[in-house]
C-alpha atoms as a PDB file:
ATOM      1  CA  UNK A   1      23.843  -9.697 -38.620  1.00  0.00           C
ATOM      2  CA  UNK A   2      22.483  -6.698 -37.723  1.00  0.00           C
ATOM      3  CA  UNK A   3      19.302  -8.421 -38.707  1.00  0.00           C
ATOM      4  CA  UNK A   4      20.191 -11.073 -35.608  1.00  0.00           C
ATOM      5  CA  UNK A   5      20.560  -8.204 -33.063  1.00  0.00           C
ATOM      6  CA  UNK A   6      17.620  -6.463 -34.094  1.00  0.00           C
ATOM      7  CA  UNK A   7      15.793  -9.667 -33.553  1.00  0.00           C
ATOM      8  CA  UNK A   8      17.370 -10.260 -30.560  1.00  0.00           C
ATOM      9  CA  UNK A   9      16.668  -6.881 -29.034  1.00  0.00           C
ATOM     10  CA  UNK A  10      13.346  -6.881 -29.933  1.00  0.00           C
ATOM     11  CA  UNK A  11      12.956 -10.146 -28.215  1.00  0.00           C
ATOM     12  CA  UNK A  12      14.396  -9.227 -25.057  1.00  0.00           C
ATOM     13  CA  UNK A  13      12.833  -6.107 -25.228  1.00  0.00           C
ATOM     14  CA  UNK A  14       9.327  -8.033 -25.225  1.00  0.00           C
ATOM     15  CA  UNK A  15      10.263 -10.357 -22.680  1.00  0.00           C
ATOM     16  CA  UNK A  16      11.494  -7.603 -20.293  1.00  0.00           C
ATOM     17  CA  UNK A  17       7.786  -6.092 -20.361  1.00  0.00           C
ATOM     18  CA  UNK A  18       6.305  -9.371 -19.581  1.00  0.00           C
ATOM     19  CA  UNK A  19       6.331  -9.129 -15.688  1.00  0.00           C
ATOM     20  CA  UNK A  20       4.813  -4.864 -15.859  1.00  0.00           C
ATOM     21  CA  UNK A  21       2.166  -6.542 -18.178  1.00  0.00           C
ATOM     22  CA  UNK A  22       1.192  -9.295 -15.885  1.00  0.00           C
ATOM     23  CA  UNK A  23       1.280  -7.212 -12.889  1.00  0.00           C
ATOM     24  CA  UNK A  24      -1.147  -4.458 -14.788  1.00  0.00           C
ATOM     25  CA  UNK A  25      -3.481  -7.693 -15.768  1.00  0.00           C
ATOM     26  CA  UNK A  26      -3.077 -10.356 -13.727  1.00  0.00           C
ATOM     27  CA  UNK A  27      -6.439 -11.834 -14.797  1.00  0.00           C
ATOM     28  CA  UNK A  28      -5.864 -11.903 -18.292  1.00  0.00           C
ATOM     29  CA  UNK A  29      -2.451 -13.943 -17.757  1.00  0.00           C
ATOM     30  CA  UNK A  30      -4.253 -16.241 -15.579  1.00  0.00           C
ATOM     31  CA  UNK A  31      -7.386 -16.492 -18.493  1.00  0.00           C
ATOM     32  CA  UNK A  32      -4.334 -17.442 -20.977  1.00  0.00           C
ATOM     33  CA  UNK A  33      -2.566 -19.886 -18.777  1.00  0.00           C
ATOM     34  CA  UNK A  34      -6.101 -21.664 -18.037  1.00  0.00           C
ATOM     35  CA  UNK A  35      -6.657 -21.914 -21.755  1.00  0.00           C
ATOM     36  CA  UNK A  36      -3.310 -23.074 -23.039  1.00  0.00           C
ATOM     37  CA  UNK A  37      -3.483 -25.913 -19.454  1.00  0.00           C
ATOM     38  CA  UNK A  38      -6.705 -26.940 -21.122  1.00  0.00           C
ATOM     39  CA  UNK A  39      -5.618 -27.280 -24.731  1.00  0.00           C
ATOM     40  CA  UNK A  40      -8.974 -26.824 -26.769  1.00  0.00           C
ATOM     41  CA  UNK A  41      -9.671 -27.799 -29.805  1.00  0.00           C
ATOM     42  CA  UNK A  42      -9.510 -25.681 -32.708  1.00  0.00           C
ATOM     43  CA  UNK A  43     -13.255 -25.677 -33.542  1.00  0.00           C
ATOM     44  CA  UNK A  44     -14.052 -24.896 -29.851  1.00  0.00           C
ATOM     45  CA  UNK A  45     -14.698 -21.204 -28.721  1.00  0.00           C
ATOM     46  CA  UNK A  46     -13.596 -19.736 -25.691  1.00  0.00           C
ATOM     47  CA  UNK A  47     -16.104 -17.818 -23.747  1.00  0.00           C
ATOM     48  CA  UNK A  48     -15.705 -13.910 -23.568  1.00  0.00           C
ATOM     49  CA  UNK A  49     -14.199 -12.343 -20.842  1.00  0.00           C
ATOM     50  CA  UNK A  50     -16.966 -11.035 -17.575  1.00  0.00           C
ATOM     51  CA  UNK A  51     -17.179  -7.520 -18.196  1.00  0.00           C
ATOM     52  CA  UNK A  52     -16.559  -7.404 -14.163  1.00  0.00           C
ATOM     53  CA  UNK A  53     -13.066  -9.007 -14.997  1.00  0.00           C
ATOM     54  CA  UNK A  54     -12.507  -6.463 -17.648  1.00  0.00           C
ATOM     55  CA  UNK A  55     -13.539  -3.842 -15.609  1.00  0.00           C
ATOM     56  CA  UNK A  56     -11.323  -4.955 -13.117  1.00  0.00           C
ATOM     57  CA  UNK A  57      -8.257  -5.572 -15.358  1.00  0.00           C
ATOM     58  CA  UNK A  58      -8.485  -2.253 -16.453  1.00  0.00           C
ATOM     59  CA  UNK A  59      -8.412  -0.543 -12.934  1.00  0.00           C
ATOM     60  CA  UNK A  60      -5.134  -2.255 -12.271  1.00  0.00           C
ATOM     61  CA  UNK A  61      -2.023   0.060 -13.350  1.00  0.00           C
ATOM     62  CA  UNK A  62       0.959  -1.074 -11.215  1.00  0.00           C
ATOM     63  CA  UNK A  63       1.127  -2.170  -7.784  1.00  0.00           C
ATOM     64  CA  UNK A  64      -1.078  -1.123  -5.625  1.00  0.00           C
ATOM     65  CA  UNK A  65      -2.978   1.588  -7.262  1.00  0.00           C
ATOM     66  CA  UNK A  66      -6.064   1.578  -9.061  1.00  0.00           C
ATOM     67  CA  UNK A  67      -7.404   3.497 -11.735  1.00  0.00           C
ATOM     68  CA  UNK A  68     -11.404   4.699 -12.066  1.00  0.00           C
ATOM     69  CA  UNK A  69     -12.644   6.226 -14.985  1.00  0.00           C
ATOM     70  CA  UNK A  70     -15.906   8.956 -14.475  1.00  0.00           C
ATOM     71  CA  UNK A  71     -18.972   7.658 -15.963  1.00  0.00           C
ATOM     72  CA  UNK A  72     -21.203  10.176 -18.281  1.00  0.00           C
ATOM     73  CA  UNK A  73     -22.426  12.011 -14.968  1.00  0.00           C
ATOM     74  CA  UNK A  74     -18.852  12.528 -13.784  1.00  0.00           C
ATOM     75  CA  UNK A  75     -19.293  10.083 -10.861  1.00  0.00           C
ATOM     76  CA  UNK A  76     -16.558   7.692 -10.102  1.00  0.00           C
ATOM     77  CA  UNK A  77     -18.385   4.240  -9.487  1.00  0.00           C
ATOM     78  CA  UNK A  78     -16.762   0.396  -9.255  1.00  0.00           C
ATOM     79  CA  UNK A  79     -16.377  -2.926  -7.670  1.00  0.00           C
ATOM     80  CA  UNK A  80     -15.612  -2.822  -4.311  1.00  0.00           C
ATOM     81  CA  UNK A  81     -15.058  -5.882  -1.662  1.00  0.00           C
ATOM     82  CA  UNK A  82     -17.001  -5.438   1.611  1.00  0.00           C
ATOM     83  CA  UNK A  83     -15.592  -8.465   3.770  1.00  0.00           C
ATOM     84  CA  UNK A  84     -14.977 -10.104   0.783  1.00  0.00           C
ATOM     85  CA  UNK A  85     -18.049  -9.713  -1.108  1.00  0.00           C
ATOM     86  CA  UNK A  86     -18.446  -7.741  -3.902  1.00  0.00           C
ATOM     87  CA  UNK A  87     -20.054  -4.250  -3.848  1.00  0.00           C
ATOM     88  CA  UNK A  88     -21.001  -1.779  -6.756  1.00  0.00           C
ATOM     89  CA  UNK A  89     -19.806   1.328  -4.611  1.00  0.00           C
ATOM     90  CA  UNK A  90     -19.503   5.444  -5.745  1.00  0.00           C
ATOM     91  CA  UNK A  91     -16.592   7.250  -4.102  1.00  0.00           C
ATOM     92  CA  UNK A  92     -17.491  10.251  -2.620  1.00  0.00           C
ATOM     93  CA  UNK A  93     -14.823  12.679  -1.169  1.00  0.00           C
ATOM     94  CA  UNK A  94     -17.918  14.613   0.692  1.00  0.00           C
ATOM     95  CA  UNK A  95     -18.597  12.103   2.426  1.00  0.00           C
ATOM     96  CA  UNK A  96     -16.788  11.911   6.128  1.00  0.00           C
ATOM     97  CA  UNK A  97     -17.189   7.933   6.375  1.00  0.00           C
ATOM     98  CA  UNK A  98     -18.003   4.885   4.268  1.00  0.00           C
ATOM     99  CA  UNK A  99     -21.868   4.527   4.107  1.00  0.00           C
ATOM    100  CA  UNK A 100     -23.439   1.262   3.394  1.00  0.00           C
ATOM    101  CA  UNK A 101     -27.772   0.547   3.142  1.00  0.00           C
ATOM    102  CA  UNK A 102     -29.015  -2.253   5.424  1.00  0.00           C
ATOM    103  CA  UNK A 103     -29.315  -4.860   2.597  1.00  0.00           C
ATOM    104  CA  UNK A 104     -25.856  -4.731   1.319  1.00  0.00           C
ATOM    105  CA  UNK A 105     -24.382  -4.229   4.889  1.00  0.00           C
ATOM    106  CA  UNK A 106     -26.521  -7.533   5.640  1.00  0.00           C
ATOM    107  CA  UNK A 107     -24.643  -9.185   2.423  1.00  0.00           C
ATOM    108  CA  UNK A 108     -21.366  -8.149   3.762  1.00  0.00           C
ATOM    109  CA  UNK A 109     -22.101 -10.332   7.149  1.00  0.00           C
ATOM    110  CA  UNK A 110     -22.531  -7.384   9.206  1.00  0.00           C
ATOM    111  CA  UNK A 111     -25.513  -8.010  11.759  1.00  0.00           C
ATOM    112  CA  UNK A 112     -27.965  -5.374  12.813  1.00  0.00           C
ATOM    113  CA  UNK A 113     -30.727  -4.793  15.251  1.00  0.00           C
ATOM    114  CA  UNK A 114     -33.240  -2.214  14.876  1.00  0.00           C
ATOM    115  CA  UNK A 115     -31.407  -0.853  18.785  1.00  0.00           C
ATOM    116  CA  UNK A 116     -28.371  -0.288  16.577  1.00  0.00           C
ATOM    117  CA  UNK A 117     -29.768   2.533  14.627  1.00  0.00           C
ATOM    118  CA  UNK A 118     -29.081   5.231  17.658  1.00  0.00           C
ATOM    119  CA  UNK A 119     -27.288   7.941  15.387  1.00  0.00           C
ATOM    120  CA  UNK A 120     -28.545  10.881  13.629  1.00  0.00           C
ATOM    121  CA  UNK A 121     -26.788  11.641  10.655  1.00  0.00           C
ATOM    122  CA  UNK A 122     -27.011  14.460   8.018  1.00  0.00           C
ATOM    123  CA  UNK A 123     -27.253  13.543   4.708  1.00  0.00           C
ATOM    124  CA  UNK A 124     -27.902  15.097   1.001  1.00  0.00           C
ATOM    125  CA  UNK A 125     -31.714  14.063   2.065  1.00  0.00           C
ATOM    126  CA  UNK A 126     -31.866  15.236   5.408  1.00  0.00           C
ATOM    127  CA  UNK A 127     -31.435  14.078   8.566  1.00  0.00           C
ATOM    128  CA  UNK A 128     -31.849   9.928   9.242  1.00  0.00           C
ATOM    129  CA  UNK A 129     -31.102   7.045  11.744  1.00  0.00           C
ATOM    130  CA  UNK A 130     -27.841   5.108  11.400  1.00  0.00           C
ATOM    131  CA  UNK A 131     -25.856   2.651  12.854  1.00  0.00           C
ATOM    132  CA  UNK A 132     -22.089   2.750  13.313  1.00  0.00           C
ATOM    133  CA  UNK A 133     -20.309  -0.134  12.593  1.00  0.00           C
ATOM    134  CA  UNK A 134     -16.249  -1.157  11.228  1.00  0.00           C
ATOM    135  CA  UNK A 135     -16.026  -3.263   8.341  1.00  0.00           C
ATOM    136  CA  UNK A 136     -13.192  -5.682   8.779  1.00  0.00           C
ATOM    137  CA  UNK A 137     -11.620  -5.327   5.289  1.00  0.00           C
ATOM    138  CA  UNK A 138     -12.585  -2.856   2.254  1.00  0.00           C
ATOM    139  CA  UNK A 139     -10.710  -3.622  -1.100  1.00  0.00           C
ATOM    140  CA  UNK A 140     -10.560  -2.246  -4.883  1.00  0.00           C
ATOM    141  CA  UNK A 141      -8.434  -4.218  -6.986  1.00  0.00           C
ATOM    142  CA  UNK A 142      -5.295  -4.732  -4.658  1.00  0.00           C
ATOM    143  CA  UNK A 143      -5.805  -2.214  -2.504  1.00  0.00           C
ATOM    144  CA  UNK A 144      -7.357  -3.237   0.706  1.00  0.00           C
ATOM    145  CA  UNK A 145      -7.758  -1.572   4.358  1.00  0.00           C
ATOM    146  CA  UNK A 146      -8.497  -2.985   7.325  1.00  0.00           C
ATOM    147  CA  UNK A 147     -10.922  -1.769  10.289  1.00  0.00           C
ATOM    148  CA  UNK A 148     -12.876   1.063   7.939  1.00  0.00           C
ATOM    149  CA  UNK A 149     -15.400   3.331  10.190  1.00  0.00           C
ATOM    150  CA  UNK A 150     -18.471   3.156   8.294  1.00  0.00           C
ATOM    151  CA  UNK A 151     -22.334   3.829   8.628  1.00  0.00           C
ATOM    152  CA  UNK A 152     -25.309   1.707   7.869  1.00  0.00           C
ATOM    153  CA  UNK A 153     -28.773   3.907   7.000  1.00  0.00           C
ATOM    154  CA  UNK A 154     -31.996   2.304   6.043  1.00  0.00           C
ATOM    155  CA  UNK A 155     -32.712   0.986   2.461  1.00  0.00           C
ATOM    156  CA  UNK A 156     -34.915   4.275   2.081  1.00  0.00           C
ATOM    157  CA  UNK A 157     -32.368   6.559   3.163  1.00  0.00           C
ATOM    158  CA  UNK A 158     -29.325   5.399   0.622  1.00  0.00           C
ATOM    159  CA  UNK A 159     -30.031   3.779  -2.343  1.00  0.00           C
ATOM    160  CA  UNK A 160     -26.168   3.204  -3.195  1.00  0.00           C
ATOM    161  CA  UNK A 161     -23.153   2.490  -1.229  1.00  0.00           C
ATOM    162  CA  UNK A 162     -20.566   5.456  -0.853  1.00  0.00           C
ATOM    163  CA  UNK A 163     -16.719   5.311  -0.265  1.00  0.00           C
ATOM    164  CA  UNK A 164     -16.033   8.036   1.924  1.00  0.00           C
ATOM    165  CA  UNK A 165     -13.177  10.073   3.459  1.00  0.00           C
ATOM    166  CA  UNK A 166     -12.826   7.276   6.379  1.00  0.00           C
ATOM    167  CA  UNK A 167     -11.671   4.777   3.525  1.00  0.00           C
ATOM    168  CA  UNK A 168      -9.632   7.187   1.211  1.00  0.00           C
ATOM    169  CA  UNK A 169      -7.322   9.101   3.714  1.00  0.00           C
ATOM    170  CA  UNK A 170      -6.105   5.767   4.954  1.00  0.00           C
ATOM    171  CA  UNK A 171      -4.964   5.786   1.183  1.00  0.00           C
ATOM    172  CA  UNK A 172      -1.290   7.202   0.430  1.00  0.00           C
ATOM    173  CA  UNK A 173      -2.701   9.283  -2.482  1.00  0.00           C
ATOM    174  CA  UNK A 174      -6.115   9.982  -4.212  1.00  0.00           C
ATOM    175  CA  UNK A 175      -6.243  12.480  -6.758  1.00  0.00           C
ATOM    176  CA  UNK A 176      -8.507  13.130  -9.695  1.00  0.00           C
ATOM    177  CA  UNK A 177      -7.155  14.470 -13.306  1.00  0.00           C
ATOM    178  CA  UNK A 178      -8.473  14.299 -16.586  1.00  0.00           C
ATOM    179  CA  UNK A 179     -11.439  12.535 -15.726  1.00  0.00           C
ATOM    180  CA  UNK A 180      -9.733   9.818 -13.920  1.00  0.00           C
ATOM    181  CA  UNK A 181      -9.348   8.848 -10.403  1.00  0.00           C
ATOM    182  CA  UNK A 182      -6.159   7.460  -9.092  1.00  0.00           C
ATOM    183  CA  UNK A 183      -6.003   5.567  -5.793  1.00  0.00           C
ATOM    184  CA  UNK A 184      -2.672   4.837  -4.641  1.00  0.00           C
ATOM    185  CA  UNK A 185      -1.660   2.671  -1.254  1.00  0.00           C
END
């Protein structure tokens, strides 16, 4: 009788943790569901999960939170969505606003003319011309912020997208601890 109660308790505890696991790793559950529905033959081998899906799954603890691991240089680089389009970007708390280069802005549907570059901004490489824009939607994992102020610089002036304070200050929390950056909305 005790064995049956123990097994029942284990089953109940395991099933209670499923919603939490789904919230933390929705892509993995969707992939399992797809595999179960397609009923592959025993000889079929499922293709490996793309690196981007693994990275995105590991970035989502619970709810609208994202946890980023610092790279070897101590930078927090992740895949964001700018106006729905994927963009690799680095979180930079020293940047006042989000900064994109012209190529990335174009891929994100932000069209600019030469006359839009009418502002001068200070960068780590000196003063450069910039265009002030508003990003309709900036997203990482389940965190999304609309109407984010940003600047667009020439491709020669900026190699990567920087996620600055115009995005970060609109979150409920961002915190660095033990080589990890927690973003929460």
